Each structure stands twice: as structure tokens, then as C-alpha cells.
Amino acid sequence: MIPERESLLPKLSQHWRATPVRYASVCLDGKRIPLNIEERSNRRGDYPYWGANGVVDYVDGYLFDESLVLLGEDGAPFFDKNKPVAFFATGKIWVNNHMHVLRVNSGFDPRFVTHCLNATDYGPWIEGSTRDKLTQDKMGGIPLPTPPIREQRAIADYLDRETARLDALVAAKERLLELLAEKRRALITRAVTCGLNPDAPLRDSGISWLGQIPAHWEIRRLAWLFRDRDERSEPGLPLLEVSINSGVVVREFSDDRIESTAEDFNTYKVAHKGDVVFNKMRMWQGAVGVAPEDGLVSPDYTVAAPVGMLLPEYAGLLFRTEMFSAECARYSHGIVWDRLRLYWEGFRDIVVPLPPPAEQRAIVAHISAETAKLAALGQVAERTTGLLKERRAALIAAAVTGKIKSLS
């Protein structure tokens, strides 16, 4: 017992006590996957491989074949109170060496211990100079609320049922978010490659990645639509960055970071509002977008200035489709896949559709309106997901500290 730590728990029922983790369990060691397993073929293994976020893979070997409680040692996940950090696992499994593997002693239900660890405030237990970490010693001092074993099992049964129900609702909302994202991608791809009129006559574009396009559309090499902009020495402009998820956005710095990099800003490229900016090493993954304002970008980026026939907004939507990204990969150079680079010479040779200007504007407006509707639905689903996760965390905390009297 460590009385100074019991204050970290709420007041418990008379017949409950607080038990440090080290007295409730034995800590075992996980291991890295051996090379002969890690470098196996792409065949899915038979045994779950557990990491800090749950099962991350299936491998061809196992370390344990029993009921265990698994808890990560990396401190970062412990600060999200709505996300499980401890897991109950049973059967043949492999566990990463960055996990605490707990074999609970008799008198303790491992499922109950798992729920207790998911209700723990880890702030007092995390330490580290370079990165936050939950050491084995600190973990051993965490107090567990400990009712008699019969109550532990009753509480665990209740929480297993209720969290499974809530998890199913969360999974449904997350699937909805995935479907909305898929619909958004399909909407954009359809509009920028086929237009808005489903009855428009089509013709073969002669471009393998594009297929058929409206008969009145033209096709052009990007060399006719953009010029390579390489302007420097404007250190007073805001810094922009290219994100795979968000396109081109204004980069935010701490004051210290700004001072440490300001001397390099003279070498940064200038991107004017409406310029297309892409990361040469990640263009094949969609690291491209349109500059929202005048700013500076890394000298390793490419800045493509439109010459008037292709609207920047339309280009930004077209260039972030999966079809166009795949075409960029075909024109990129590199020895290995994750080191492919798209240079200006390759970019300028890509051929794209060119609708009339008025139709480009109509496509952009249509996509903006429709994606706004999808975004509104997504925001509702995200809020509901957040509330469900909060409900899950609150339910566990109440149950494992005896606040739900009907379970006692």
C-alpha cells in the first residue's frame, strides 16, 4: 500500500481498498518481432500482434497464451481520456516490447483491471526528459480500486456489455465518416473529369488515366497551362506549407522557431495567390494545392504559375484526385517507391482535360456547394462520436469506483 497515492482515487466504499498495480500483477516482457517473422511474405499470420493502439498486425509466431492486461509505455496516448490505453487480451498473441504485459494475480479479474487502467489519470505517473513515458516502476505504483472479486466480475461483465454497445455506435459513426469521405472523392473526380451534364456527348480523350471526356472539352499538356515560378528574396511574406491532407496552408510557428529559421527565408520561393505548389517527393501522394495568399514555400517545392486557361481552383481539385496522383507517379523518378520525385520536366509533360472557363467555374461552384453539405454531415457525425467516447470514459470511471450502486 502507498497511502500518499490513495488520494488520487475518489473515496471508495467501506469494503473496497486501493491496491498498487505491482501488488495486483506480475509484469512480463514483450519483444520485437524477429526478422524471420517481420520479413515474412505478405501472407497474413495467424496470431495478433499487439501494439500501443491495439492489434496492429498478424504474425506467424506468439509469445503468450493466457489472459493478460496490456498497457503501453509511450506517454502520448495517455493524455486522450476518451481513447483506451489498456487492453484485455487472451489466447495466443505477440506483444511489442514497448508494452507493459500484466499477468494479474488471483483475487483480481483481468477485465476489471483493464477497465481501471482505462479510467486512470496518468498525469502524475508519466515522466521523461526527451519523451513522455510510463516506466514499469511508475506503473507499479498506480492504485487500483479493488472490490471483492465477485463485484469485480459483475462490474467487468456490465462494462463489457455497455462498452461493446458504445463501441458499435462509434464504429458506425466512423464508417459514416469514411463513406462521406469516399463520396466526396467520387464527387470531385466525377466533376473534374466528366463535367456536370450526365447527358453530354463523350469522346475518347486518348489519355489512359482519363478515359472519356465531354466531346467539347480540350486536352493540354501542363507546359501550356503553367510556367515554373522561381522568385526569391521576399522574407517578409508568411510561410506556406504543403499538406497531403489539406493542400497548401499557412504554416504556424512558435516565436523561437521563427527566429531560428528567419535567416533562411531569403532562399525560400515566392508563391503568389492562385499558384499551384507541390512537394516533389510527395506529389504522387497528393501533396499539392493552391496558395491561398502570397507567401513563401520551401526551396524544395515547385511553384507552378497558371497562365490563364486553367482556373487555379479547378486545377487544385483535379490535381488532388487519386487518378492524377497515379499519373504523377508515372512521371516521377526514383530508385524506390517512397523516394519518387516529380521534377518540373515531368510535371509539364502530363496531359490534362481543359473544359471551357465558364464550365470550370461551374464545376468549382458545384463541388464547393456539395462538399459543404457533406462537411456539415461529417461535423455532426464527429460531434456524436466525441460524445459517445466521452460517455464511454465516464461510464468506466463511474463503474470501477463504485458510483453505480446497482452493480455492488
Protein backbone atom coordinates (compact mmCIF):
# COMPACT_ATOMS: atom_id res chain seq x y z
CA MET A 1 0.00 0.00 0.00
CA ILE A 2 1.13 3.55 -0.68
CA PRO A 3 -1.24 5.84 1.26
CA GLU A 4 0.09 9.03 -0.33
CA ARG A 5 -1.17 7.75 -3.67
CA GLU A 6 -4.65 6.78 -2.47
CA SER A 7 -5.64 10.45 -2.63
CA LEU A 8 -5.55 10.04 -6.42
CA LEU A 9 -8.64 7.84 -6.17
CA PRO A 10 -12.12 9.05 -5.17
CA LYS A 11 -13.49 7.95 -1.82
CA LEU A 12 -14.17 4.22 -2.04
CA SER A 13 -16.84 2.08 -0.37
CA GLN A 14 -16.01 0.70 3.06
CA HIS A 15 -15.30 -2.83 1.81
CA TRP A 16 -13.17 -1.62 -1.14
CA ARG A 17 -9.45 -0.97 -0.92
CA ALA A 18 -6.70 0.52 -3.12
CA THR A 19 -4.07 -1.88 -4.46
CA PRO A 20 -0.94 -0.75 -6.34
CA VAL A 21 -0.54 -2.44 -9.72
CA ARG A 22 2.71 -4.10 -8.60
CA TYR A 23 0.81 -6.00 -5.89
CA ALA A 24 -2.04 -6.94 -8.22
CA SER A 25 0.03 -8.33 -11.08
CA VAL A 26 3.33 -9.58 -12.44
CA CYS A 27 4.87 -7.58 -15.28
CA LEU A 28 6.14 -9.69 -18.20
CA ASP A 29 8.25 -8.63 -21.19
CA GLY A 30 7.09 -8.10 -24.75
CA LYS A 31 9.56 -8.43 -27.62
CA ARG A 32 10.29 -7.03 -31.04
CA ILE A 33 9.24 -9.27 -33.91
CA PRO A 34 12.22 -11.40 -35.02
CA LEU A 35 13.44 -10.71 -38.55
CA ASN A 36 12.35 -14.11 -39.80
CA ILE A 37 8.78 -13.14 -38.84
CA GLU A 38 8.94 -9.42 -39.65
CA GLU A 39 10.27 -10.11 -43.14
CA ARG A 40 7.73 -12.80 -43.89
CA SER A 41 5.74 -12.86 -47.11
CA ASN A 42 2.61 -10.77 -47.46
CA ARG A 43 0.57 -13.70 -46.16
CA ARG A 44 -1.47 -12.73 -43.11
CA GLY A 45 -0.21 -14.52 -39.99
CA ASP A 46 -2.36 -16.42 -37.52
CA TYR A 47 -1.56 -14.58 -34.27
CA PRO A 48 -2.47 -11.00 -33.26
CA TYR A 49 0.46 -8.62 -32.84
CA TRP A 50 -0.36 -6.04 -30.16
CA GLY A 51 0.99 -2.51 -30.07
CA ALA A 52 0.07 0.64 -28.16
CA ASN A 53 -3.07 1.20 -30.29
CA GLY A 54 -4.33 -2.38 -30.16
CA VAL A 55 -3.84 -5.14 -32.71
CA VAL A 56 -1.63 -3.70 -35.47
CA ASP A 57 -0.81 -6.85 -37.44
CA TYR A 58 -0.98 -10.65 -37.52
CA VAL A 59 2.24 -12.65 -37.36
CA ASP A 60 3.44 -16.23 -37.65
CA GLY A 61 4.53 -16.69 -34.02
CA TYR A 62 3.31 -15.96 -30.50
CA LEU A 63 4.81 -15.11 -27.09
CA PHE A 64 1.87 -15.69 -24.74
CA ASP A 65 -1.12 -17.99 -24.49
CA GLU A 66 -3.14 -16.75 -21.50
CA SER A 67 -5.34 -13.90 -20.29
CA LEU A 68 -3.33 -10.67 -19.96
CA VAL A 69 -3.68 -6.93 -19.50
CA LEU A 70 -1.66 -4.86 -21.99
CA LEU A 71 -0.66 -1.25 -21.35
CA GLY A 72 1.61 0.93 -23.50
CA GLU A 73 4.62 2.77 -22.12
CA ASP A 74 4.63 5.76 -24.52
CA GLY A 75 3.16 8.70 -22.66
CA ALA A 76 1.40 10.49 -25.55
CA PRO A 77 -1.76 8.27 -25.77
CA PHE A 78 -2.40 8.64 -22.03
CA PHE A 79 -3.46 12.27 -22.43
CA ASP A 80 -6.53 11.39 -24.54
CA LYS A 81 -9.04 10.41 -21.87
CA ASN A 82 -11.56 9.20 -24.45
CA LYS A 83 -9.23 6.63 -26.01
CA PRO A 84 -8.49 3.20 -24.46
CA VAL A 85 -4.86 2.75 -23.44
CA ALA A 86 -5.18 -0.65 -21.75
CA PHE A 87 -6.40 -3.81 -23.43
CA PHE A 88 -7.57 -7.21 -22.26
CA ALA A 89 -6.11 -9.95 -24.45
CA THR A 90 -6.46 -13.71 -24.28
CA GLY A 91 -5.15 -16.64 -26.30
CA LYS A 92 -2.02 -16.84 -28.45
CA ILE A 93 -0.60 -13.36 -29.08
CA TRP A 94 2.62 -11.48 -29.75
CA VAL A 95 3.19 -8.24 -27.81
CA ASN A 96 5.51 -5.39 -28.78
CA ASN A 97 8.43 -4.64 -26.45
CA HIS A 98 7.03 -1.15 -25.80
CA MET A 99 4.04 -2.60 -23.95
CA HIS A 100 3.65 -3.47 -20.28
CA VAL A 101 2.33 -7.03 -20.16
CA LEU A 102 0.47 -7.75 -16.92
CA ARG A 103 -0.45 -11.18 -15.60
CA VAL A 104 -2.92 -10.38 -12.82
CA ASN A 105 -2.77 -12.24 -9.52
CA SER A 106 -5.55 -14.35 -8.06
CA GLY A 107 -8.19 -12.17 -6.48
CA PHE A 108 -8.21 -9.83 -9.45
CA ASP A 109 -10.27 -10.02 -12.64
CA PRO A 110 -8.06 -9.00 -15.60
CA ARG A 111 -11.01 -7.39 -17.39
CA PHE A 112 -11.74 -5.26 -14.31
CA VAL A 113 -8.07 -4.27 -14.06
CA THR A 114 -8.15 -3.27 -17.74
CA HIS A 115 -11.15 -1.01 -17.16
CA CYS A 116 -9.48 0.50 -14.07
CA LEU A 117 -6.36 1.34 -16.09
CA ASN A 118 -8.52 2.97 -18.76
CA ALA A 119 -10.08 5.18 -16.07
CA THR A 120 -6.73 6.23 -14.57
CA ASP A 121 -5.42 9.80 -14.69
CA TYR A 122 -1.84 9.21 -15.85
CA GLY A 123 -0.63 12.77 -15.31
CA PRO A 124 1.19 12.01 -12.00
CA TRP A 125 2.76 8.85 -13.39
CA ILE A 126 4.24 10.00 -16.69
CA GLU A 127 7.89 11.09 -16.75
CA GLY A 128 10.70 11.69 -19.23
CA SER A 129 13.13 14.33 -20.43
CA THR A 130 13.01 13.77 -24.20
CA ARG A 131 9.64 12.00 -24.45
CA ASP A 132 6.84 11.19 -22.04
CA LYS A 133 6.96 7.62 -20.78
CA LEU A 134 5.20 5.38 -18.28
CA THR A 135 8.03 3.38 -16.74
CA GLN A 136 7.48 -0.02 -15.15
CA ASP A 137 8.34 1.40 -11.74
CA LYS A 138 5.84 4.25 -12.01
CA MET A 139 3.22 1.95 -13.47
CA GLY A 140 3.63 -0.38 -10.50
CA GLY A 141 2.60 2.39 -8.11
CA ILE A 142 -0.72 3.18 -9.80
CA PRO A 143 -3.52 2.41 -7.29
CA LEU A 144 -6.35 0.19 -8.47
CA PRO A 145 -9.76 0.42 -6.77
CA THR A 146 -10.29 -3.13 -5.50
CA PRO A 147 -13.69 -4.50 -4.52
CA PRO A 148 -14.16 -8.22 -3.76
CA ILE A 149 -13.64 -10.49 -6.77
CA ARG A 150 -17.38 -11.13 -7.17
CA GLU A 151 -18.02 -7.40 -7.57
CA GLN A 152 -15.07 -7.07 -9.93
CA ARG A 153 -16.59 -9.70 -12.21
CA ALA A 154 -20.04 -8.12 -12.05
CA ILE A 155 -18.62 -4.70 -12.92
CA ALA A 156 -16.47 -6.19 -15.71
CA ASP A 157 -19.49 -8.03 -17.17
CA TYR A 158 -21.53 -4.82 -17.12
CA LEU A 159 -18.77 -2.71 -18.69
CA ASP A 160 -18.02 -5.33 -21.33
CA ARG A 161 -21.67 -5.19 -22.43
CA GLU A 162 -22.03 -1.42 -22.30
CA THR A 163 -18.69 -0.54 -23.89
CA ALA A 164 -19.34 -3.06 -26.67
CA ARG A 165 -22.64 -1.28 -27.38
CA LEU A 166 -21.00 2.14 -27.36
CA ASP A 167 -18.07 0.88 -29.46
CA ALA A 168 -20.52 -0.42 -32.05
CA LEU A 169 -22.17 3.01 -32.23
CA VAL A 170 -18.77 4.71 -32.57
CA ALA A 171 -17.76 2.26 -35.30
CA ALA A 172 -20.97 3.04 -37.19
CA LYS A 173 -20.29 6.79 -36.99
CA GLU A 174 -16.68 6.30 -38.08
CA ARG A 175 -17.86 4.19 -41.01
CA LEU A 176 -20.25 7.02 -41.92
CA LEU A 177 -17.31 9.42 -41.92
CA GLU A 178 -15.40 7.07 -44.22
CA LEU A 179 -18.40 6.86 -46.58
CA LEU A 180 -18.72 10.65 -46.63
CA ALA A 181 -15.02 10.96 -47.47
CA GLU A 182 -15.42 8.38 -50.24
CA LYS A 183 -18.45 10.22 -51.60
CA ARG A 184 -16.53 13.49 -51.55
CA ARG A 185 -13.63 11.97 -53.50
CA ALA A 186 -16.01 10.38 -56.03
CA LEU A 187 -17.96 13.64 -56.42
CA ILE A 188 -14.81 15.65 -57.14
CA THR A 189 -13.31 13.07 -59.50
CA ARG A 190 -16.54 12.77 -61.49
CA ALA A 191 -16.99 16.53 -61.79
CA VAL A 192 -13.43 17.47 -62.81
CA THR A 193 -13.06 14.64 -65.34
CA CYS A 194 -16.60 14.30 -66.77
CA GLY A 195 -18.30 17.62 -66.06
CA LEU A 196 -21.75 18.26 -64.59
CA ASN A 197 -24.00 17.27 -67.50
CA PRO A 198 -24.55 13.48 -67.47
CA ASP A 199 -26.11 13.70 -70.97
CA ALA A 200 -23.16 15.47 -72.60
CA PRO A 201 -21.73 13.59 -75.62
CA LEU A 202 -18.40 11.93 -74.80
CA ARG A 203 -15.25 11.18 -76.75
CA ASP A 204 -12.10 9.22 -76.03
CA SER A 205 -9.52 11.59 -74.60
CA GLY A 206 -6.62 9.41 -75.77
CA ILE A 207 -5.25 9.63 -72.21
CA SER A 208 -5.12 6.29 -70.41
CA TRP A 209 -5.73 7.67 -66.91
CA LEU A 210 -8.57 9.92 -68.03
CA GLY A 211 -10.63 7.82 -70.43
CA GLN A 212 -13.68 9.50 -71.94
CA ILE A 213 -14.34 13.21 -71.54
CA PRO A 214 -17.11 15.56 -72.78
CA ALA A 215 -16.72 15.95 -76.53
CA HIS A 216 -16.37 19.76 -76.35
CA TRP A 217 -13.51 19.65 -73.83
CA GLU A 218 -9.92 20.09 -74.94
CA ILE A 219 -6.79 18.42 -73.62
CA ARG A 220 -3.50 20.18 -72.98
CA ARG A 221 -0.01 19.45 -71.69
CA LEU A 222 0.64 21.26 -68.43
CA ALA A 223 3.53 23.04 -70.16
CA TRP A 224 0.86 25.12 -71.96
CA LEU A 225 -1.04 25.88 -68.78
CA PHE A 226 1.68 26.72 -66.22
CA ARG A 227 5.11 28.24 -66.02
CA ASP A 228 7.78 27.44 -63.44
CA ARG A 229 7.96 30.32 -60.94
CA ASP A 230 11.29 30.71 -59.12
CA GLU A 231 11.23 34.05 -57.30
CA ARG A 232 13.23 34.59 -54.09
CA SER A 233 14.27 37.24 -51.54
CA GLU A 234 10.87 38.21 -50.08
CA PRO A 235 11.44 37.31 -46.38
CA GLY A 236 8.52 39.39 -45.12
CA LEU A 237 5.84 37.10 -46.55
CA PRO A 238 4.06 34.43 -44.44
CA LEU A 239 5.34 30.87 -44.67
CA LEU A 240 3.19 28.32 -46.50
CA GLU A 241 3.42 24.53 -46.40
CA VAL A 242 2.01 21.68 -48.48
CA SER A 243 -0.02 19.04 -46.68
CA ILE A 244 -1.23 15.76 -48.15
CA ASN A 245 -4.48 16.18 -46.21
CA SER A 246 -5.10 19.92 -46.53
CA GLY A 247 -3.28 21.18 -49.62
CA VAL A 248 -1.43 24.50 -49.22
CA VAL A 249 -1.95 26.19 -45.84
CA VAL A 250 -0.31 28.98 -43.86
CA ARG A 251 2.29 27.46 -41.57
CA GLU A 252 2.20 28.39 -37.90
CA PHE A 253 5.42 28.78 -35.94
CA SER A 254 6.35 29.43 -32.36
CA ASP A 255 8.37 32.64 -31.91
CA ASP A 256 11.54 30.64 -31.21
CA ARG A 257 11.12 28.62 -34.36
CA ILE A 258 10.57 31.74 -36.47
CA GLU A 259 13.78 33.31 -35.15
CA SER A 260 15.81 30.16 -35.79
CA THR A 261 14.67 29.90 -39.41
CA ALA A 262 14.32 33.58 -40.41
CA GLU A 263 17.86 33.73 -41.73
CA ASP A 264 16.96 31.06 -44.30
CA PHE A 265 13.87 32.84 -45.65
CA ASN A 266 15.83 34.64 -48.37
CA THR A 267 16.31 31.26 -50.08
CA TYR A 268 12.61 30.38 -49.95
CA LYS A 269 10.50 30.53 -53.09
CA VAL A 270 7.68 33.04 -53.51
CA ALA A 271 4.22 31.65 -54.28
CA HIS A 272 1.56 34.14 -55.35
CA LYS A 273 -2.09 33.69 -54.53
CA GLY A 274 -3.51 31.18 -57.02
CA ASP A 275 -0.18 29.49 -57.79
CA VAL A 276 -0.10 25.70 -57.65
CA VAL A 277 2.54 24.44 -55.20
CA PHE A 278 3.66 20.83 -54.87
CA ASN A 279 6.16 18.80 -52.92
CA LYS A 280 8.31 16.98 -55.47
CA MET A 281 8.81 13.97 -53.17
CA ARG A 282 5.12 13.60 -52.27
CA MET A 283 3.28 14.71 -55.41
CA TRP A 284 2.41 11.08 -56.14
CA GLN A 285 0.61 11.03 -52.76
CA GLY A 286 -1.36 14.21 -53.37
CA ALA A 287 0.96 16.76 -51.70
CA VAL A 288 -0.25 19.65 -53.86
CA GLY A 289 -2.54 22.62 -53.54
CA VAL A 290 -3.28 26.23 -54.43
CA ALA A 291 -1.66 29.08 -52.49
CA PRO A 292 -4.43 30.87 -50.53
CA GLU A 293 -2.34 34.07 -50.38
CA ASP A 294 1.09 35.37 -51.28
CA GLY A 295 3.69 33.53 -49.23
CA LEU A 296 6.98 31.67 -49.02
CA VAL A 297 7.46 27.96 -49.62
CA SER A 298 10.37 25.60 -49.18
CA PRO A 299 13.01 25.84 -51.93
CA ASP A 300 12.47 22.11 -52.40
CA TYR A 301 8.88 22.72 -53.54
CA THR A 302 7.81 23.51 -57.09
CA VAL A 303 5.71 26.62 -57.75
CA ALA A 304 3.61 26.48 -60.93
CA ALA A 305 2.09 29.80 -62.02
CA PRO A 306 -1.09 29.48 -64.15
CA VAL A 307 -1.03 31.28 -67.49
CA GLY A 308 -4.80 31.86 -67.68
CA MET A 309 -6.54 28.93 -69.41
CA LEU A 310 -6.86 26.68 -66.35
CA LEU A 311 -8.50 28.16 -63.26
CA PRO A 312 -6.37 27.59 -60.15
CA GLU A 313 -9.38 26.37 -58.17
CA TYR A 314 -10.23 23.79 -60.83
CA ALA A 315 -6.58 22.74 -61.11
CA GLY A 316 -6.33 22.33 -57.34
CA LEU A 317 -9.30 19.94 -57.33
CA LEU A 318 -8.07 17.96 -60.35
CA PHE A 319 -4.51 17.64 -59.05
CA ARG A 320 -5.66 16.14 -55.73
CA THR A 321 -7.62 13.28 -57.28
CA GLU A 322 -6.22 9.76 -56.93
CA MET A 323 -6.19 9.39 -60.72
CA PHE A 324 -3.94 12.40 -61.20
CA SER A 325 -1.66 11.35 -58.32
CA ALA A 326 -1.15 7.99 -60.03
CA GLU A 327 -0.24 9.78 -63.25
CA CYS A 328 2.26 11.90 -61.34
CA ALA A 329 3.87 8.72 -60.03
CA ARG A 330 4.30 7.53 -63.62
CA TYR A 331 6.22 10.70 -64.50
CA SER A 332 8.30 10.69 -61.31
CA HIS A 333 11.88 9.48 -60.92
CA GLY A 334 13.44 7.46 -58.13
CA ILE A 335 15.03 4.13 -57.28
CA VAL A 336 12.46 3.13 -54.65
CA TRP A 337 8.75 3.85 -54.49
CA ASP A 338 8.80 6.09 -51.41
CA ARG A 339 11.58 8.24 -52.85
CA LEU A 340 9.89 9.15 -56.13
CA ARG A 341 10.36 12.78 -57.19
CA LEU A 342 8.31 14.69 -59.74
CA TYR A 343 10.50 17.36 -61.32
CA TRP A 344 9.24 20.25 -63.43
CA GLU A 345 10.26 18.41 -66.60
CA GLY A 346 7.95 15.54 -65.70
CA PHE A 347 5.10 17.73 -64.47
CA ARG A 348 5.00 19.81 -67.65
CA ASP A 349 4.56 16.69 -69.81
CA ILE A 350 1.38 15.49 -68.07
CA VAL A 351 -1.74 15.92 -70.17
CA VAL A 352 -4.98 17.11 -68.51
CA PRO A 353 -8.56 17.94 -69.55
CA LEU A 354 -9.38 21.58 -70.26
CA PRO A 355 -13.09 22.50 -70.01
CA PRO A 356 -14.24 25.96 -71.15
CA PRO A 357 -13.61 28.64 -68.47
CA ALA A 358 -17.30 29.08 -67.66
CA GLU A 359 -17.67 25.34 -67.17
CA GLN A 360 -14.59 25.25 -64.93
CA ARG A 361 -16.19 27.92 -62.73
CA ALA A 362 -19.47 26.00 -62.63
CA ILE A 363 -17.66 22.79 -61.64
CA VAL A 364 -15.79 24.57 -58.85
CA ALA A 365 -19.02 26.15 -57.54
CA HIS A 366 -20.87 22.81 -57.68
CA ILE A 367 -18.12 20.99 -55.81
CA SER A 368 -17.93 23.75 -53.20
CA ALA A 369 -21.69 23.56 -52.52
CA GLU A 370 -21.89 19.76 -52.43
CA THR A 371 -18.78 19.22 -50.31
CA ALA A 372 -20.07 21.84 -47.84
CA LYS A 373 -23.16 19.67 -47.33
CA LEU A 374 -21.01 16.59 -46.81
CA ALA A 375 -18.78 18.50 -44.39
CA ALA A 376 -21.81 19.54 -42.33
CA LEU A 377 -22.92 15.90 -42.08
CA GLY A 378 -19.37 14.93 -41.15
CA GLN A 379 -19.24 17.53 -38.37
CA VAL A 380 -22.44 16.15 -36.85
CA ALA A 381 -21.04 12.60 -37.01
CA GLU A 382 -17.75 13.73 -35.43
CA ARG A 383 -19.56 15.50 -32.59
CA THR A 384 -21.69 12.42 -31.95
CA THR A 385 -18.58 10.23 -31.99
CA GLY A 386 -16.90 12.51 -29.47
CA LEU A 387 -19.93 12.41 -27.16
CA LEU A 388 -20.09 8.61 -27.35
CA LYS A 389 -16.40 8.34 -26.45
CA GLU A 390 -16.89 10.74 -23.55
CA ARG A 391 -19.86 8.66 -22.39
CA ARG A 392 -17.73 5.51 -22.58
CA ALA A 393 -14.93 7.02 -20.50
CA ALA A 394 -17.35 8.43 -17.90
CA LEU A 395 -19.19 5.11 -17.61
CA ILE A 396 -15.97 3.19 -16.96
CA ALA A 397 -14.78 5.72 -14.38
CA ALA A 398 -18.09 5.57 -12.52
CA ALA A 399 -18.32 1.78 -12.55
CA VAL A 400 -14.77 0.98 -11.39
CA THR A 401 -15.02 3.43 -8.48
CA GLY A 402 -18.35 2.09 -7.21
CA LYS A 403 -20.51 5.02 -8.32
CA ILE A 404 -23.06 2.70 -9.96
CA LYS A 405 -24.62 1.18 -6.86
CA SER A 406 -26.76 -1.40 -8.66
CA LEU A 407 -23.57 -3.29 -9.56
CA SER A 408 -22.37 -3.67 -5.97
